[in-house]
PDB file of all heavy atoms in Angstrom:
ATOM      1  N   LEU A   1       1.333  15.425 -11.980  1.00  0.00           N
ATOM      2  CA  LEU A   1       2.230  15.418 -10.823  1.00  0.00           C
ATOM      3  C   LEU A   1       3.152  14.202 -10.878  1.00  0.00           C
ATOM      4  O   LEU A   1       4.313  14.275 -10.467  1.00  0.00           O
ATOM      5  CB  LEU A   1       1.429  15.421  -9.525  1.00  0.00           C
ATOM      6  CG  LEU A   1       0.469  16.600  -9.325  1.00  0.00           C
ATOM      7  CD1 LEU A   1      -0.282  16.456  -7.995  1.00  0.00           C
ATOM      8  CD2 LEU A   1       1.224  17.923  -9.380  1.00  0.00           C
ATOM      9  N   ALA A   2       2.623  13.104 -11.392  1.00  0.00           N
ATOM     10  CA  ALA A   2       3.453  11.911 -11.564  1.00  0.00           C
ATOM     11  C   ALA A   2       4.510  12.143 -12.638  1.00  0.00           C
ATOM     12  O   ALA A   2       5.673  11.756 -12.488  1.00  0.00           O
ATOM     13  CB  ALA A   2       2.580  10.708 -11.933  1.00  0.00           C
ATOM     14  N   TYR A   3       4.117  12.805 -13.737  1.00  0.00           N
ATOM     15  CA  TYR A   3       5.102  13.129 -14.769  1.00  0.00           C
ATOM     16  C   TYR A   3       6.236  13.976 -14.188  1.00  0.00           C
ATOM     17  O   TYR A   3       7.404  13.796 -14.528  1.00  0.00           O
ATOM     18  CB  TYR A   3       4.440  13.914 -15.909  1.00  0.00           C
ATOM     19  CG  TYR A   3       3.449  13.165 -16.761  1.00  0.00           C
ATOM     20  CD1 TYR A   3       2.513  13.854 -17.526  1.00  0.00           C
ATOM     21  CD2 TYR A   3       3.450  11.772 -16.844  1.00  0.00           C
ATOM     22  CE1 TYR A   3       1.600  13.201 -18.337  1.00  0.00           C
ATOM     23  CE2 TYR A   3       2.545  11.102 -17.647  1.00  0.00           C
ATOM     24  CZ  TYR A   3       1.612  11.818 -18.396  1.00  0.00           C
ATOM     25  OH  TYR A   3       0.712  11.158 -19.195  1.00  0.00           O
ATOM     26  N   GLU A   4       5.871  14.929 -13.318  1.00  0.00           N
ATOM     27  CA  GLU A   4       6.888  15.786 -12.704  1.00  0.00           C
ATOM     28  C   GLU A   4       7.852  14.973 -11.841  1.00  0.00           C
ATOM     29  O   GLU A   4       9.050  15.271 -11.782  1.00  0.00           O
ATOM     30  CB  GLU A   4       6.213  16.870 -11.862  1.00  0.00           C
ATOM     31  CG  GLU A   4       5.470  17.910 -12.678  1.00  0.00           C
ATOM     32  CD  GLU A   4       4.710  18.890 -11.818  1.00  0.00           C
ATOM     33  OE1 GLU A   4       4.864  18.834 -10.571  1.00  0.00           O
ATOM     34  OE2 GLU A   4       3.961  19.723 -12.372  1.00  0.00           O
ATOM     35  N   LEU A   5       7.320  13.953 -11.179  1.00  0.00           N
ATOM     36  CA  LEU A   5       8.174  13.089 -10.361  1.00  0.00           C
ATOM     37  C   LEU A   5       9.238  12.431 -11.233  1.00  0.00           C
ATOM     38  O   LEU A   5      10.414  12.358 -10.865  1.00  0.00           O
ATOM     39  CB  LEU A   5       7.311  12.021  -9.677  1.00  0.00           C
ATOM     40  CG  LEU A   5       8.042  11.049  -8.738  1.00  0.00           C
ATOM     41  CD1 LEU A   5       8.405  11.749  -7.439  1.00  0.00           C
ATOM     42  CD2 LEU A   5       7.161   9.833  -8.449  1.00  0.00           C
ATOM     43  N   GLU A   6       8.827  11.966 -12.404  1.00  0.00           N
ATOM     44  CA  GLU A   6       9.756  11.305 -13.318  1.00  0.00           C
ATOM     45  C   GLU A   6      10.770  12.292 -13.894  1.00  0.00           C
ATOM     46  O   GLU A   6      11.908  11.916 -14.196  1.00  0.00           O
ATOM     47  CB  GLU A   6       8.971  10.632 -14.449  1.00  0.00           C
ATOM     48  CG  GLU A   6       9.759   9.645 -15.262  1.00  0.00           C
ATOM     49  CD  GLU A   6       8.878   8.845 -16.199  1.00  0.00           C
ATOM     50  OE1 GLU A   6       7.923   9.425 -16.753  1.00  0.00           O
ATOM     51  OE2 GLU A   6       9.138   7.650 -16.384  1.00  0.00           O
ATOM     52  N   ARG A   7      10.356  13.554 -14.043  1.00  0.00           N
ATOM     53  CA  ARG A   7      11.294  14.568 -14.531  1.00  0.00           C
ATOM     54  C   ARG A   7      12.313  14.955 -13.458  1.00  0.00           C
ATOM     55  O   ARG A   7      13.460  15.277 -13.772  1.00  0.00           O
ATOM     56  CB  ARG A   7      10.533  15.816 -15.001  1.00  0.00           C
ATOM     57  CG  ARG A   7       9.799  15.643 -16.318  1.00  0.00           C
ATOM     58  CD  ARG A   7       9.389  16.986 -16.885  1.00  0.00           C
ATOM     59  NE  ARG A   7       8.382  17.658 -16.071  1.00  0.00           N
ATOM     60  CZ  ARG A   7       7.073  17.540 -16.268  1.00  0.00           C
ATOM     61  NH1 ARG A   7       6.630  16.760 -17.248  1.00  0.00           N
ATOM     62  NH2 ARG A   7       6.213  18.186 -15.496  1.00  0.00           N
ATOM     63  N   ASP A   8      11.877  14.945 -12.202  1.00  0.00           N
ATOM     64  CA  ASP A   8      12.740  15.431 -11.108  1.00  0.00           C
ATOM     65  C   ASP A   8      13.667  14.362 -10.548  1.00  0.00           C
ATOM     66  O   ASP A   8      14.709  14.694  -9.964  1.00  0.00           O
ATOM     67  CB  ASP A   8      11.875  15.975  -9.964  1.00  0.00           C
ATOM     68  CG  ASP A   8      11.126  17.239 -10.362  1.00  0.00           C
ATOM     69  OD1 ASP A   8      11.487  17.844 -11.386  1.00  0.00           O
ATOM     70  OD2 ASP A   8      10.174  17.609  -9.655  1.00  0.00           O
ATOM     71  N   PHE A   9      13.294  13.092 -10.686  1.00  0.00           N
ATOM     72  CA  PHE A   9      14.088  11.997 -10.127  1.00  0.00           C
ATOM     73  C   PHE A   9      14.406  10.968 -11.217  1.00  0.00           C
ATOM     74  O   PHE A   9      13.635  10.804 -12.166  1.00  0.00           O
ATOM     75  CB  PHE A   9      13.321  11.282  -9.010  1.00  0.00           C
ATOM     76  CG  PHE A   9      13.188  12.048  -7.731  1.00  0.00           C
ATOM     77  CD1 PHE A   9      12.104  12.890  -7.523  1.00  0.00           C
ATOM     78  CD2 PHE A   9      14.134  11.928  -6.721  1.00  0.00           C
ATOM     79  CE1 PHE A   9      11.964  13.597  -6.338  1.00  0.00           C
ATOM     80  CE2 PHE A   9      14.005  12.619  -5.534  1.00  0.00           C
ATOM     81  CZ  PHE A   9      12.914  13.461  -5.341  1.00  0.00           C
ATOM     82  N   PRO A  10      15.502  10.242 -11.081  1.00  0.00           N
ATOM     83  CA  PRO A  10      15.810   9.163 -12.019  1.00  0.00           C
ATOM     84  C   PRO A  10      14.970   7.928 -11.695  1.00  0.00           C
ATOM     85  O   PRO A  10      15.473   6.903 -11.208  1.00  0.00           O
ATOM     86  CB  PRO A  10      17.305   8.921 -11.796  1.00  0.00           C
ATOM     87  CG  PRO A  10      17.521   9.275 -10.356  1.00  0.00           C
ATOM     88  CD  PRO A  10      16.596  10.431 -10.088  1.00  0.00           C
ATOM     89  N   VAL A  11      13.666   8.051 -11.928  1.00  0.00           N
ATOM     90  CA  VAL A  11      12.747   6.940 -11.703  1.00  0.00           C
ATOM     91  C   VAL A  11      12.003   6.656 -13.002  1.00  0.00           C
ATOM     92  O   VAL A  11      11.881   7.533 -13.867  1.00  0.00           O
ATOM     93  CB  VAL A  11      11.730   7.229 -10.573  1.00  0.00           C
ATOM     94  CG1 VAL A  11      12.436   7.455  -9.246  1.00  0.00           C
ATOM     95  CG2 VAL A  11      10.837   8.417 -10.925  1.00  0.00           C
ATOM     96  N   ARG A  12      11.501   5.443 -13.106  1.00  0.00           N
ATOM     97  CA  ARG A  12      10.680   5.057 -14.259  1.00  0.00           C
ATOM     98  C   ARG A  12       9.266   4.786 -13.771  1.00  0.00           C
ATOM     99  O   ARG A  12       9.070   3.979 -12.853  1.00  0.00           O
ATOM    100  CB  ARG A  12      11.248   3.792 -14.910  1.00  0.00           C
ATOM    101  CG  ARG A  12      10.493   3.341 -16.159  1.00  0.00           C
ATOM    102  CD  ARG A  12      11.062   2.037 -16.694  1.00  0.00           C
ATOM    103  NE  ARG A  12      10.768   0.915 -15.823  1.00  0.00           N
ATOM    104  CZ  ARG A  12       9.652   0.176 -15.904  1.00  0.00           C
ATOM    105  NH1 ARG A  12       8.718   0.458 -16.804  1.00  0.00           N
ATOM    106  NH2 ARG A  12       9.466  -0.836 -15.093  1.00  0.00           N
ATOM    107  N   LEU A  13       8.287   5.470 -14.354  1.00  0.00           N
ATOM    108  CA  LEU A  13       6.900   5.231 -13.985  1.00  0.00           C
ATOM    109  C   LEU A  13       6.359   4.047 -14.768  1.00  0.00           C
ATOM    110  O   LEU A  13       6.431   4.012 -16.000  1.00  0.00           O
ATOM    111  CB  LEU A  13       6.046   6.468 -14.278  1.00  0.00           C
ATOM    112  CG  LEU A  13       6.406   7.755 -13.536  1.00  0.00           C
ATOM    113  CD1 LEU A  13       5.405   8.850 -13.901  1.00  0.00           C
ATOM    114  CD2 LEU A  13       6.417   7.543 -12.026  1.00  0.00           C
ATOM    115  N   ASP A  14       5.830   3.083 -14.053  1.00  0.00           N
ATOM    116  CA  ASP A  14       5.205   1.913 -14.679  1.00  0.00           C
ATOM    117  C   ASP A  14       3.700   2.054 -14.472  1.00  0.00           C
ATOM    118  O   ASP A  14       3.169   1.708 -13.424  1.00  0.00           O
ATOM    119  CB  ASP A  14       5.729   0.627 -14.028  1.00  0.00           C
ATOM    120  CG  ASP A  14       5.154  -0.619 -14.688  1.00  0.00           C
ATOM    121  OD1 ASP A  14       4.668  -0.516 -15.836  1.00  0.00           O
ATOM    122  OD2 ASP A  14       5.173  -1.693 -14.044  1.00  0.00           O
ATOM    123  N   TRP A  15       3.013   2.604 -15.471  1.00  0.00           N
ATOM    124  CA  TRP A  15       1.582   2.855 -15.370  1.00  0.00           C
ATOM    125  C   TRP A  15       0.792   1.562 -15.574  1.00  0.00           C
ATOM    126  O   TRP A  15       1.010   0.838 -16.540  1.00  0.00           O
ATOM    127  CB  TRP A  15       1.152   3.865 -16.423  1.00  0.00           C
ATOM    128  CG  TRP A  15       1.665   5.248 -16.198  1.00  0.00           C
ATOM    129  CD1 TRP A  15       2.840   5.772 -16.668  1.00  0.00           C
ATOM    130  CD2 TRP A  15       1.028   6.296 -15.461  1.00  0.00           C
ATOM    131  NE1 TRP A  15       2.968   7.083 -16.260  1.00  0.00           N
ATOM    132  CE2 TRP A  15       1.869   7.439 -15.531  1.00  0.00           C
ATOM    133  CE3 TRP A  15      -0.174   6.382 -14.757  1.00  0.00           C
ATOM    134  CZ2 TRP A  15       1.545   8.639 -14.924  1.00  0.00           C
ATOM    135  CZ3 TRP A  15      -0.504   7.579 -14.152  1.00  0.00           C
ATOM    136  CH2 TRP A  15       0.350   8.697 -14.235  1.00  0.00           C
ATOM    137  N   LEU A  16      -0.130   1.288 -14.655  1.00  0.00           N
ATOM    138  CA  LEU A  16      -0.962   0.094 -14.747  1.00  0.00           C
ATOM    139  C   LEU A  16      -2.417   0.452 -14.424  1.00  0.00           C
ATOM    140  O   LEU A  16      -2.683   1.371 -13.645  1.00  0.00           O
ATOM    141  CB  LEU A  16      -0.475  -0.978 -13.765  1.00  0.00           C
ATOM    142  CG  LEU A  16       0.873  -1.631 -14.078  1.00  0.00           C
ATOM    143  CD1 LEU A  16       1.288  -2.552 -12.941  1.00  0.00           C
ATOM    144  CD2 LEU A  16       0.809  -2.409 -15.391  1.00  0.00           C
ATOM    145  N   PRO A  17      -3.342  -0.286 -15.016  1.00  0.00           N
ATOM    146  CA  PRO A  17      -4.751  -0.013 -14.740  1.00  0.00           C
ATOM    147  C   PRO A  17      -5.226  -0.688 -13.461  1.00  0.00           C
ATOM    148  O   PRO A  17      -4.781  -1.792 -13.123  1.00  0.00           O
ATOM    149  CB  PRO A  17      -5.458  -0.619 -15.958  1.00  0.00           C
ATOM    150  CG  PRO A  17      -4.581  -1.769 -16.357  1.00  0.00           C
ATOM    151  CD  PRO A  17      -3.165  -1.313 -16.057  1.00  0.00           C
ATOM    152  N   TYR A  18      -6.108  -0.002 -12.753  1.00  0.00           N
ATOM    153  CA  TYR A  18      -6.822  -0.614 -11.632  1.00  0.00           C
ATOM    154  C   TYR A  18      -8.276  -0.177 -11.760  1.00  0.00           C
ATOM    155  O   TYR A  18      -8.586   1.012 -11.652  1.00  0.00           O
ATOM    156  CB  TYR A  18      -6.258  -0.196 -10.276  1.00  0.00           C
ATOM    157  CG  TYR A  18      -6.985  -0.895  -9.138  1.00  0.00           C
ATOM    158  CD1 TYR A  18      -6.750  -2.234  -8.875  1.00  0.00           C
ATOM    159  CD2 TYR A  18      -7.942  -0.219  -8.379  1.00  0.00           C
ATOM    160  CE1 TYR A  18      -7.445  -2.890  -7.872  1.00  0.00           C
ATOM    161  CE2 TYR A  18      -8.630  -0.869  -7.370  1.00  0.00           C
ATOM    162  CZ  TYR A  18      -8.378  -2.207  -7.119  1.00  0.00           C
ATOM    163  OH  TYR A  18      -9.067  -2.860  -6.126  1.00  0.00           O
ATOM    164  N   THR A  19      -9.150  -1.130 -12.014  1.00  0.00           N
ATOM    165  CA  THR A  19     -10.544  -0.822 -12.275  1.00  0.00           C
ATOM    166  C   THR A  19     -11.308  -0.608 -10.978  1.00  0.00           C
ATOM    167  O   THR A  19     -11.481  -1.528 -10.176  1.00  0.00           O
ATOM    168  CB  THR A  19     -11.214  -1.967 -13.072  1.00  0.00           C
ATOM    169  OG1 THR A  19     -10.423  -2.277 -14.216  1.00  0.00           O
ATOM    170  CG2 THR A  19     -12.601  -1.563 -13.519  1.00  0.00           C
ATOM    171  N   LEU A  20     -11.758   0.619 -10.777  1.00  0.00           N
ATOM    172  CA  LEU A  20     -12.523   0.943  -9.571  1.00  0.00           C
ATOM    173  C   LEU A  20     -13.937   0.375  -9.648  1.00  0.00           C
ATOM    174  O   LEU A  20     -14.603   0.490 -10.675  1.00  0.00           O
ATOM    175  CB  LEU A  20     -12.621   2.465  -9.401  1.00  0.00           C
ATOM    176  CG  LEU A  20     -11.350   3.231  -9.046  1.00  0.00           C
ATOM    177  CD1 LEU A  20     -11.657   4.719  -9.020  1.00  0.00           C
ATOM    178  CD2 LEU A  20     -10.801   2.778  -7.700  1.00  0.00           C
ATOM    179  N   ASP A  21     -14.384  -0.194  -8.541  1.00  0.00           N
ATOM    180  CA  ASP A  21     -15.771  -0.645  -8.417  1.00  0.00           C
ATOM    181  C   ASP A  21     -16.510   0.425  -7.604  1.00  0.00           C
ATOM    182  O   ASP A  21     -16.762   0.259  -6.411  1.00  0.00           O
ATOM    183  CB  ASP A  21     -15.828  -2.004  -7.722  1.00  0.00           C
ATOM    184  CG  ASP A  21     -17.251  -2.533  -7.582  1.00  0.00           C
ATOM    185  OD1 ASP A  21     -18.176  -1.922  -8.157  1.00  0.00           O
ATOM    186  OD2 ASP A  21     -17.441  -3.540  -6.862  1.00  0.00           O
ATOM    187  N   ILE A  22     -16.837   1.527  -8.247  1.00  0.00           N
ATOM    188  CA  ILE A  22     -17.395   2.682  -7.542  1.00  0.00           C
ATOM    189  C   ILE A  22     -18.709   2.372  -6.833  1.00  0.00           C
ATOM    190  O   ILE A  22     -18.905   2.788  -5.673  1.00  0.00           O
ATOM    191  CB  ILE A  22     -17.548   3.870  -8.510  1.00  0.00           C
ATOM    192  CG1 ILE A  22     -16.158   4.363  -8.934  1.00  0.00           C
ATOM    193  CG2 ILE A  22     -18.338   5.012  -7.868  1.00  0.00           C
ATOM    194  CD1 ILE A  22     -16.174   5.479  -9.958  1.00  0.00           C
ATOM    195  N   PRO A  23     -19.649   1.642  -7.445  1.00  0.00           N
ATOM    196  CA  PRO A  23     -20.911   1.378  -6.736  1.00  0.00           C
ATOM    197  C   PRO A  23     -20.730   0.651  -5.413  1.00  0.00           C
ATOM    198  O   PRO A  23     -21.576   0.776  -4.517  1.00  0.00           O
ATOM    199  CB  PRO A  23     -21.704   0.522  -7.741  1.00  0.00           C
ATOM    200  CG  PRO A  23     -21.167   0.931  -9.073  1.00  0.00           C
ATOM    201  CD  PRO A  23     -19.700   1.156  -8.833  1.00  0.00           C
ATOM    202  N   SER A  24     -19.634  -0.097  -5.248  1.00  0.00           N
ATOM    203  CA  SER A  24     -19.451  -0.862  -4.021  1.00  0.00           C
ATOM    204  C   SER A  24     -19.195   0.027  -2.813  1.00  0.00           C
ATOM    205  O   SER A  24     -19.413  -0.386  -1.681  1.00  0.00           O
ATOM    206  CB  SER A  24     -18.303  -1.861  -4.182  1.00  0.00           C
ATOM    207  OG  SER A  24     -17.048  -1.193  -4.263  1.00  0.00           O
ATOM    208  N   PHE A  25     -18.712   1.266  -3.052  1.00  0.00           N
ATOM    209  CA  PHE A  25     -18.442   2.137  -1.902  1.00  0.00           C
ATOM    210  C   PHE A  25     -19.108   3.514  -1.995  1.00  0.00           C
ATOM    211  O   PHE A  25     -19.251   4.194  -0.985  1.00  0.00           O
ATOM    212  CB  PHE A  25     -16.929   2.308  -1.674  1.00  0.00           C
ATOM    213  CG  PHE A  25     -16.164   2.888  -2.828  1.00  0.00           C
ATOM    214  CD1 PHE A  25     -15.907   4.243  -2.898  1.00  0.00           C
ATOM    215  CD2 PHE A  25     -15.671   2.064  -3.829  1.00  0.00           C
ATOM    216  CE1 PHE A  25     -15.179   4.775  -3.959  1.00  0.00           C
ATOM    217  CE2 PHE A  25     -14.939   2.587  -4.889  1.00  0.00           C
ATOM    218  CZ  PHE A  25     -14.702   3.952  -4.956  1.00  0.00           C
ATOM    219  N   LEU A  26     -19.564   3.889  -3.199  1.00  0.00           N
ATOM    220  CA  LEU A  26     -20.242   5.181  -3.334  1.00  0.00           C
ATOM    221  C   LEU A  26     -21.639   5.061  -3.941  1.00  0.00           C
ATOM    222  O   LEU A  26     -22.272   6.082  -4.219  1.00  0.00           O
ATOM    223  CB  LEU A  26     -19.403   6.140  -4.189  1.00  0.00           C
ATOM    224  CG  LEU A  26     -18.156   6.724  -3.520  1.00  0.00           C
ATOM    225  CD1 LEU A  26     -17.393   7.600  -4.507  1.00  0.00           C
ATOM    226  CD2 LEU A  26     -18.518   7.523  -2.276  1.00  0.00           C
ATOM    227  N   GLY A  27     -22.101   3.824  -4.139  1.00  0.00           N
ATOM    228  CA  GLY A  27     -23.402   3.664  -4.765  1.00  0.00           C
ATOM    229  C   GLY A  27     -23.337   4.065  -6.231  1.00  0.00           C
ATOM    230  O   GLY A  27     -22.265   4.293  -6.790  1.00  0.00           O
ATOM    231  N   SER A  28     -24.502   4.160  -6.862  1.00  0.00           N
ATOM    232  CA  SER A  28     -24.543   4.517  -8.277  1.00  0.00           C
ATOM    233  C   SER A  28     -25.701   5.471  -8.542  1.00  0.00           C
ATOM    234  O   SER A  28     -26.663   5.533  -7.774  1.00  0.00           O
ATOM    235  CB  SER A  28     -24.688   3.270  -9.156  1.00  0.00           C
ATOM    236  OG  SER A  28     -25.909   2.610  -8.878  1.00  0.00           O
TER     237      SER A  28
END
């Protein structure tokens, strides 16, 4: 869906990582 956004609009996607700490909110 993000790729489609870049195809439909003159925008540049700047992909960056964000490391989820899943155990902190959903346990493990």
